[in-house]
Every structure is written in structure tokens, then in C-alpha cells.
Amino acid sequence: TETQSGGEPQEDLLGMDGMDPELAQALANKGICSMEDLAEQSVDELLDIEGMDEERAGQLIMTARAPWFEGQE
């Protein structure tokens, strides 16, 4: 049940802390191709990716959301 066809991971996703090329491609296969796409996900939505656990998913999502909070101090 694919809602979106897979794509290529964008540079911002590939360059994130904690990201590796295999994971970036796995995300892109789910239609998550950018940090913005990742920031909109929930931990549960990432848990079906091989090798993903709740802690790593949470860290990646928070890293992806960091630009949302920059400059709000």
C-alpha cells in the first residue's frame, strides 16, 4: 500500500545529523524526501523502516524540526 511513489532523498535530508544514505533512501521510498517531509512525520510512521527504533526516530524528527524553532528565542 504505497500512497506516494518513492523519490530521491534531497541534500538537506542526506546532510542531517544521524542520517546515513541507506536510511535517507528508505525514507525517500516512503515519499519522505526532505527535512520538511520528515519533520511532518510521527515516530510511529517511521518504525516500519528496517533498523529504526523509537529513540532514533524521535531524534531524527526533532533534528528535522529544528529549523522551525530557530529564531524563536
PDB file of N, CA and C in Angstrom:
ATOM      1  N   THR A   1       0.851  -1.195   0.000  1.00  0.00           N
ATOM      2  CA  THR A   1       0.000   0.000   0.000  1.00  0.00           C
ATOM      3  C   THR A   1       0.885   1.243   0.000  1.00  0.00           C
ATOM      4  N   GLU A   2       1.284   1.663  -1.168  1.00  0.00           N
ATOM      5  CA  GLU A   2       2.103   2.868  -1.286  1.00  0.00           C
ATOM      6  C   GLU A   2       1.214   4.043  -1.638  1.00  0.00           C
ATOM      7  N   THR A   3       1.280   5.079  -0.818  1.00  0.00           N
ATOM      8  CA  THR A   3       0.484   6.263  -1.101  1.00  0.00           C
ATOM      9  C   THR A   3       1.217   7.167  -2.082  1.00  0.00           C
ATOM     10  N   GLN A   4       2.548   7.211  -1.975  1.00  0.00           N
ATOM     11  CA  GLN A   4       3.347   8.027  -2.886  1.00  0.00           C
ATOM     12  C   GLN A   4       4.447   7.147  -3.457  1.00  0.00           C
ATOM     13  N   SER A   5       4.805   7.418  -4.694  1.00  0.00           N
ATOM     14  CA  SER A   5       5.927   6.673  -5.248  1.00  0.00           C
ATOM     15  C   SER A   5       7.211   7.209  -4.631  1.00  0.00           C
ATOM     16  N   GLY A   6       8.195   6.351  -4.517  1.00  0.00           N
ATOM     17  CA  GLY A   6       9.455   6.743  -3.916  1.00  0.00           C
ATOM     18  C   GLY A   6      10.181   7.759  -4.768  1.00  0.00           C
ATOM     19  N   GLY A   7      11.044   8.504  -4.133  1.00  0.00           N
ATOM     20  CA  GLY A   7      11.811   9.510  -4.840  1.00  0.00           C
ATOM     21  C   GLY A   7      13.260   9.436  -4.427  1.00  0.00           C
ATOM     22  N   GLU A   8      13.977  10.491  -4.720  1.00  0.00           N
ATOM     23  CA  GLU A   8      15.369  10.589  -4.330  1.00  0.00           C
ATOM     24  C   GLU A   8      15.467  11.497  -3.111  1.00  0.00           C
ATOM     25  N   PRO A   9      16.277  11.109  -2.120  1.00  0.00           N
ATOM     26  CA  PRO A   9      16.447  11.987  -0.964  1.00  0.00           C
ATOM     27  C   PRO A   9      17.151  13.283  -1.366  1.00  0.00           C
ATOM     28  N   GLN A  10      16.672  14.395  -0.834  1.00  0.00           N
ATOM     29  CA  GLN A  10      17.264  15.694  -1.126  1.00  0.00           C
ATOM     30  C   GLN A  10      18.498  15.913  -0.254  1.00  0.00           C
ATOM     31  N   GLU A  11      19.304  16.900  -0.653  1.00  0.00           N
ATOM     32  CA  GLU A  11      20.571  17.161   0.036  1.00  0.00           C
ATOM     33  C   GLU A  11      20.376  17.471   1.514  1.00  0.00           C
ATOM     34  N   ASP A  12      19.307  18.230   1.867  1.00  0.00           N
ATOM     35  CA  ASP A  12      19.142  18.593   3.273  1.00  0.00           C
ATOM     36  C   ASP A  12      18.876  17.351   4.122  1.00  0.00           C
ATOM     37  N   LEU A  13      18.140  16.389   3.567  1.00  0.00           N
ATOM     38  CA  LEU A  13      17.875  15.141   4.286  1.00  0.00           C
ATOM     39  C   LEU A  13      19.165  14.335   4.438  1.00  0.00           C
ATOM     40  N   LEU A  14      19.929  14.230   3.365  1.00  0.00           N
ATOM     41  CA  LEU A  14      21.183  13.468   3.393  1.00  0.00           C
ATOM     42  C   LEU A  14      22.195  14.075   4.356  1.00  0.00           C
ATOM     43  N   GLY A  15      22.150  15.392   4.541  1.00  0.00           N
ATOM     44  CA  GLY A  15      23.136  16.076   5.366  1.00  0.00           C
ATOM     45  C   GLY A  15      22.780  16.177   6.836  1.00  0.00           C
ATOM     46  N   MET A  16      21.623  15.660   7.219  1.00  0.00           N
ATOM     47  CA  MET A  16      21.185  15.755   8.614  1.00  0.00           C
ATOM     48  C   MET A  16      22.075  14.963   9.559  1.00  0.00           C
ATOM     49  N   ASP A  17      22.206  15.445  10.795  1.00  0.00           N
ATOM     50  CA  ASP A  17      22.860  14.662  11.841  1.00  0.00           C
ATOM     51  C   ASP A  17      22.092  13.369  12.049  1.00  0.00           C
ATOM     52  N   GLY A  18      22.802  12.264  12.143  1.00  0.00           N
ATOM     53  CA  GLY A  18      22.168  10.985  12.417  1.00  0.00           C
ATOM     54  C   GLY A  18      21.636  10.276  11.182  1.00  0.00           C
ATOM     55  N   MET A  19      21.790  10.895  10.028  1.00  0.00           N
ATOM     56  CA  MET A  19      21.267  10.312   8.785  1.00  0.00           C
ATOM     57  C   MET A  19      22.392   9.577   8.070  1.00  0.00           C
ATOM     58  N   ASP A  20      22.045   8.488   7.384  1.00  0.00           N
ATOM     59  CA  ASP A  20      23.001   7.825   6.504  1.00  0.00           C
ATOM     60  C   ASP A  20      22.310   7.582   5.162  1.00  0.00           C
ATOM     61  N   PRO A  21      23.082   7.316   4.112  1.00  0.00           N
ATOM     62  CA  PRO A  21      22.467   7.193   2.777  1.00  0.00           C
ATOM     63  C   PRO A  21      21.390   6.117   2.689  1.00  0.00           C
ATOM     64  N   GLU A  22      21.594   4.993   3.374  1.00  0.00           N
ATOM     65  CA  GLU A  22      20.605   3.913   3.316  1.00  0.00           C
ATOM     66  C   GLU A  22      19.285   4.353   3.937  1.00  0.00           C
ATOM     67  N   LEU A  23      19.367   5.017   5.094  1.00  0.00           N
ATOM     68  CA  LEU A  23      18.155   5.482   5.764  1.00  0.00           C
ATOM     69  C   LEU A  23      17.477   6.569   4.940  1.00  0.00           C
ATOM     70  N   ALA A  24      18.271   7.477   4.381  1.00  0.00           N
ATOM     71  CA  ALA A  24      17.695   8.540   3.553  1.00  0.00           C
ATOM     72  C   ALA A  24      16.928   7.940   2.376  1.00  0.00           C
ATOM     73  N   GLN A  25      17.470   6.890   1.765  1.00  0.00           N
ATOM     74  CA  GLN A  25      16.785   6.251   0.644  1.00  0.00           C
ATOM     75  C   GLN A  25      15.533   5.529   1.112  1.00  0.00           C
ATOM     76  N   ALA A  26      15.593   4.888   2.280  1.00  0.00           N
ATOM     77  CA  ALA A  26      14.412   4.211   2.824  1.00  0.00           C
ATOM     78  C   ALA A  26      13.296   5.221   3.083  1.00  0.00           C
ATOM     79  N   LEU A  27      13.661   6.390   3.604  1.00  0.00           N
ATOM     80  CA  LEU A  27      12.673   7.451   3.819  1.00  0.00           C
ATOM     81  C   LEU A  27      12.114   7.930   2.488  1.00  0.00           C
ATOM     82  N   ALA A  28      13.001   8.152   1.521  1.00  0.00           N
ATOM     83  CA  ALA A  28      12.561   8.630   0.207  1.00  0.00           C
ATOM     84  C   ALA A  28      11.614   7.625  -0.446  1.00  0.00           C
ATOM     85  N   ASN A  29      11.854   6.344  -0.216  1.00  0.00           N
ATOM     86  CA  ASN A  29      10.971   5.315  -0.765  1.00  0.00           C
ATOM     87  C   ASN A  29       9.562   5.427  -0.204  1.00  0.00           C
ATOM     88  N   LYS A  30       9.440   6.037   0.971  1.00  0.00           N
ATOM     89  CA  LYS A  30       8.132   6.265   1.592  1.00  0.00           C
ATOM     90  C   LYS A  30       7.568   7.639   1.234  1.00  0.00           C
ATOM     91  N   GLY A  31       8.269   8.371   0.365  1.00  0.00           N
ATOM     92  CA  GLY A  31       7.811   9.697  -0.022  1.00  0.00           C
ATOM     93  C   GLY A  31       8.319  10.800   0.885  1.00  0.00           C
ATOM     94  N   ILE A  32       9.260  10.466   1.781  1.00  0.00           N
ATOM     95  CA  ILE A  32       9.855  11.449   2.693  1.00  0.00           C
ATOM     96  C   ILE A  32      11.214  11.819   2.112  1.00  0.00           C
ATOM     97  N   CYS A  33      11.247  12.911   1.344  1.00  0.00           N
ATOM     98  CA  CYS A  33      12.450  13.226   0.565  1.00  0.00           C
ATOM     99  C   CYS A  33      13.240  14.413   1.107  1.00  0.00           C
ATOM    100  N   SER A  34      12.665  15.159   2.046  1.00  0.00           N
ATOM    101  CA  SER A  34      13.341  16.354   2.556  1.00  0.00           C
ATOM    102  C   SER A  34      13.195  16.421   4.069  1.00  0.00           C
ATOM    103  N   MET A  35      13.965  17.320   4.695  1.00  0.00           N
ATOM    104  CA  MET A  35      13.822  17.532   6.135  1.00  0.00           C
ATOM    105  C   MET A  35      12.408  17.981   6.475  1.00  0.00           C
ATOM    106  N   GLU A  36      11.821  18.813   5.623  1.00  0.00           N
ATOM    107  CA  GLU A  36      10.452  19.283   5.862  1.00  0.00           C
ATOM    108  C   GLU A  36       9.474  18.106   5.882  1.00  0.00           C
ATOM    109  N   ASP A  37       9.638  17.185   4.923  1.00  0.00           N
ATOM    110  CA  ASP A  37       8.786  15.987   4.904  1.00  0.00           C
ATOM    111  C   ASP A  37       8.955  15.190   6.197  1.00  0.00           C
ATOM    112  N   LEU A  38      10.208  15.016   6.619  1.00  0.00           N
ATOM    113  CA  LEU A  38      10.492  14.235   7.821  1.00  0.00           C
ATOM    114  C   LEU A  38       9.914  14.911   9.059  1.00  0.00           C
ATOM    115  N   ALA A  39      10.006  16.239   9.102  1.00  0.00           N
ATOM    116  CA  ALA A  39       9.517  16.984  10.263  1.00  0.00           C
ATOM    117  C   ALA A  39       8.021  16.790  10.472  1.00  0.00           C
ATOM    118  N   GLU A  40       7.313  16.471   9.404  1.00  0.00           N
ATOM    119  CA  GLU A  40       5.861  16.308   9.479  1.00  0.00           C
ATOM    120  C   GLU A  40       5.445  14.895   9.879  1.00  0.00           C
ATOM    121  N   GLN A  41       6.412  13.989  10.037  1.00  0.00           N
ATOM    122  CA  GLN A  41       6.103  12.599  10.378  1.00  0.00           C
ATOM    123  C   GLN A  41       5.974  12.432  11.888  1.00  0.00           C
ATOM    124  N   SER A  42       5.370  11.314  12.289  1.00  0.00           N
ATOM    125  CA  SER A  42       5.359  10.920  13.696  1.00  0.00           C
ATOM    126  C   SER A  42       6.322   9.752  13.874  1.00  0.00           C
ATOM    127  N   VAL A  43       6.735   9.529  15.116  1.00  0.00           N
ATOM    128  CA  VAL A  43       7.631   8.411  15.410  1.00  0.00           C
ATOM    129  C   VAL A  43       7.040   7.107  14.876  1.00  0.00           C
ATOM    130  N   ASP A  44       5.750   6.880  15.127  1.00  0.00           N
ATOM    131  CA  ASP A  44       5.112   5.628  14.699  1.00  0.00           C
ATOM    132  C   ASP A  44       5.222   5.412  13.194  1.00  0.00           C
ATOM    133  N   GLU A  45       5.180   6.501  12.426  1.00  0.00           N
ATOM    134  CA  GLU A  45       5.233   6.380  10.968  1.00  0.00           C
ATOM    135  C   GLU A  45       6.608   5.933  10.478  1.00  0.00           C
ATOM    136  N   LEU A  46       7.634   6.106  11.312  1.00  0.00           N
ATOM    137  CA  LEU A  46       8.989   5.723  10.908  1.00  0.00           C
ATOM    138  C   LEU A  46       9.372   4.330  11.387  1.00  0.00           C
ATOM    139  N   LEU A  47       8.599   3.751  12.296  1.00  0.00           N
ATOM    140  CA  LEU A  47       9.011   2.498  12.929  1.00  0.00           C
ATOM    141  C   LEU A  47       8.989   1.301  11.991  1.00  0.00           C
ATOM    142  N   ASP A  48       8.308   1.401  10.848  1.00  0.00           N
ATOM    143  CA  ASP A  48       8.307   0.263   9.924  1.00  0.00           C
ATOM    144  C   ASP A  48       9.528   0.253   9.010  1.00  0.00           C
ATOM    145  N   ILE A  49      10.419   1.221   9.169  1.00  0.00           N
ATOM    146  CA  ILE A  49      11.682   1.233   8.420  1.00  0.00           C
ATOM    147  C   ILE A  49      12.662   0.306   9.132  1.00  0.00           C
ATOM    148  N   GLU A  50      13.313  -0.546   8.368  1.00  0.00           N
ATOM    149  CA  GLU A  50      14.245  -1.516   8.938  1.00  0.00           C
ATOM    150  C   GLU A  50      15.335  -0.817   9.746  1.00  0.00           C
ATOM    151  N   GLY A  51      15.584  -1.315  10.955  1.00  0.00           N
ATOM    152  CA  GLY A  51      16.638  -0.772  11.793  1.00  0.00           C
ATOM    153  C   GLY A  51      16.236   0.459  12.583  1.00  0.00           C
ATOM    154  N   MET A  52      14.993   0.895  12.470  1.00  0.00           N
ATOM    155  CA  MET A  52      14.533   2.095  13.167  1.00  0.00           C
ATOM    156  C   MET A  52      13.950   1.707  14.516  1.00  0.00           C
ATOM    157  N   ASP A  53      14.271   2.483  15.554  1.00  0.00           N
ATOM    158  CA  ASP A  53      13.605   2.312  16.835  1.00  0.00           C
ATOM    159  C   ASP A  53      13.033   3.664  17.259  1.00  0.00           C
ATOM    160  N   GLU A  54      12.253   3.661  18.331  1.00  0.00           N
ATOM    161  CA  GLU A  54      11.559   4.887  18.733  1.00  0.00           C
ATOM    162  C   GLU A  54      12.528   6.015  19.056  1.00  0.00           C
ATOM    163  N   GLU A  55      13.637   5.677  19.724  1.00  0.00           N
ATOM    164  CA  GLU A  55      14.589   6.712  20.113  1.00  0.00           C
ATOM    165  C   GLU A  55      15.203   7.386  18.884  1.00  0.00           C
ATOM    166  N   ARG A  56      15.654   6.576  17.931  1.00  0.00           N
ATOM    167  CA  ARG A  56      16.276   7.142  16.724  1.00  0.00           C
ATOM    168  C   ARG A  56      15.256   7.938  15.914  1.00  0.00           C
ATOM    169  N   ALA A  57      14.048   7.394  15.786  1.00  0.00           N
ATOM    170  CA  ALA A  57      13.006   8.105  15.042  1.00  0.00           C
ATOM    171  C   ALA A  57      12.731   9.460  15.685  1.00  0.00           C
ATOM    172  N   GLY A  58      12.630   9.480  17.004  1.00  0.00           N
ATOM    173  CA  GLY A  58      12.367  10.733  17.708  1.00  0.00           C
ATOM    174  C   GLY A  58      13.480  11.743  17.511  1.00  0.00           C
ATOM    175  N   GLN A  59      14.723  11.276  17.582  1.00  0.00           N
ATOM    176  CA  GLN A  59      15.863  12.175  17.394  1.00  0.00           C
ATOM    177  C   GLN A  59      15.878  12.754  15.983  1.00  0.00           C
ATOM    178  N   LEU A  60      15.616  11.908  14.991  1.00  0.00           N
ATOM    179  CA  LEU A  60      15.618  12.380  13.605  1.00  0.00           C
ATOM    180  C   LEU A  60      14.511  13.403  13.370  1.00  0.00           C
ATOM    181  N   ILE A  61      13.329  13.130  13.908  1.00  0.00           N
ATOM    182  CA  ILE A  61      12.215  14.064  13.725  1.00  0.00           C
ATOM    183  C   ILE A  61      12.524  15.395  14.402  1.00  0.00           C
ATOM    184  N   MET A  62      13.078  15.358  15.606  1.00  0.00           N
ATOM    185  CA  MET A  62      13.398  16.609  16.299  1.00  0.00           C
ATOM    186  C   MET A  62      14.488  17.382  15.557  1.00  0.00           C
ATOM    187  N   THR A  63      15.468  16.670  15.005  1.00  0.00           N
ATOM    188  CA  THR A  63      16.502  17.333  14.210  1.00  0.00           C
ATOM    189  C   THR A  63      15.877  17.999  12.986  1.00  0.00           C
ATOM    190  N   ALA A  64      14.954  17.297  12.343  1.00  0.00           N
ATOM    191  CA  ALA A  64      14.296  17.842  11.154  1.00  0.00           C
ATOM    192  C   ALA A  64      13.430  19.050  11.502  1.00  0.00           C
ATOM    193  N   ARG A  65      12.887  19.072  12.724  1.00  0.00           N
ATOM    194  CA  ARG A  65      12.028  20.182  13.143  1.00  0.00           C
ATOM    195  C   ARG A  65      12.821  21.382  13.648  1.00  0.00           C
ATOM    196  N   ALA A  66      14.116  21.227  13.891  1.00  0.00           N
ATOM    197  CA  ALA A  66      14.925  22.301  14.466  1.00  0.00           C
ATOM    198  C   ALA A  66      14.780  23.627  13.717  1.00  0.00           C
ATOM    199  N   PRO A  67      14.760  23.631  12.373  1.00  0.00           N
ATOM    200  CA  PRO A  67      14.612  24.920  11.673  1.00  0.00           C
ATOM    201  C   PRO A  67      13.310  25.636  12.012  1.00  0.00           C
ATOM    202  N   TRP A  68      12.273  24.882  12.411  1.00  0.00           N
ATOM    203  CA  TRP A  68      11.006  25.508  12.781  1.00  0.00           C
ATOM    204  C   TRP A  68      11.170  26.393  14.013  1.00  0.00           C
ATOM    205  N   PHE A  69      12.128  26.013  14.886  1.00  0.00           N
ATOM    206  CA  PHE A  69      12.265  26.687  16.173  1.00  0.00           C
ATOM    207  C   PHE A  69      13.388  27.717  16.189  1.00  0.00           C
ATOM    208  N   GLU A  70      14.211  27.747  15.148  1.00  0.00           N
ATOM    209  CA  GLU A  70      15.318  28.702  15.110  1.00  0.00           C
ATOM    210  C   GLU A  70      14.774  30.121  15.078  1.00  0.00           C
ATOM    211  N   GLY A  71      15.393  30.974  15.874  1.00  0.00           N
ATOM    212  CA  GLY A  71      14.986  32.372  15.890  1.00  0.00           C
ATOM    213  C   GLY A  71      13.740  32.655  16.699  1.00  0.00           C
ATOM    214  N   GLN A  72      13.266  31.680  17.457  1.00  0.00           N
ATOM    215  CA  GLN A  72      12.074  31.892  18.278  1.00  0.00           C
ATOM    216  C   GLN A  72      12.414  32.106  19.745  1.00  0.00           C
ATOM    217  N   GLU A  73      13.694  32.372  20.027  1.00  0.00           N
ATOM    218  CA  GLU A  73      14.088  32.551  21.420  1.00  0.00           C
ATOM    219  C   GLU A  73      13.683  33.896  21.949  1.00  0.00           C
TER     220      GLU A  73
END
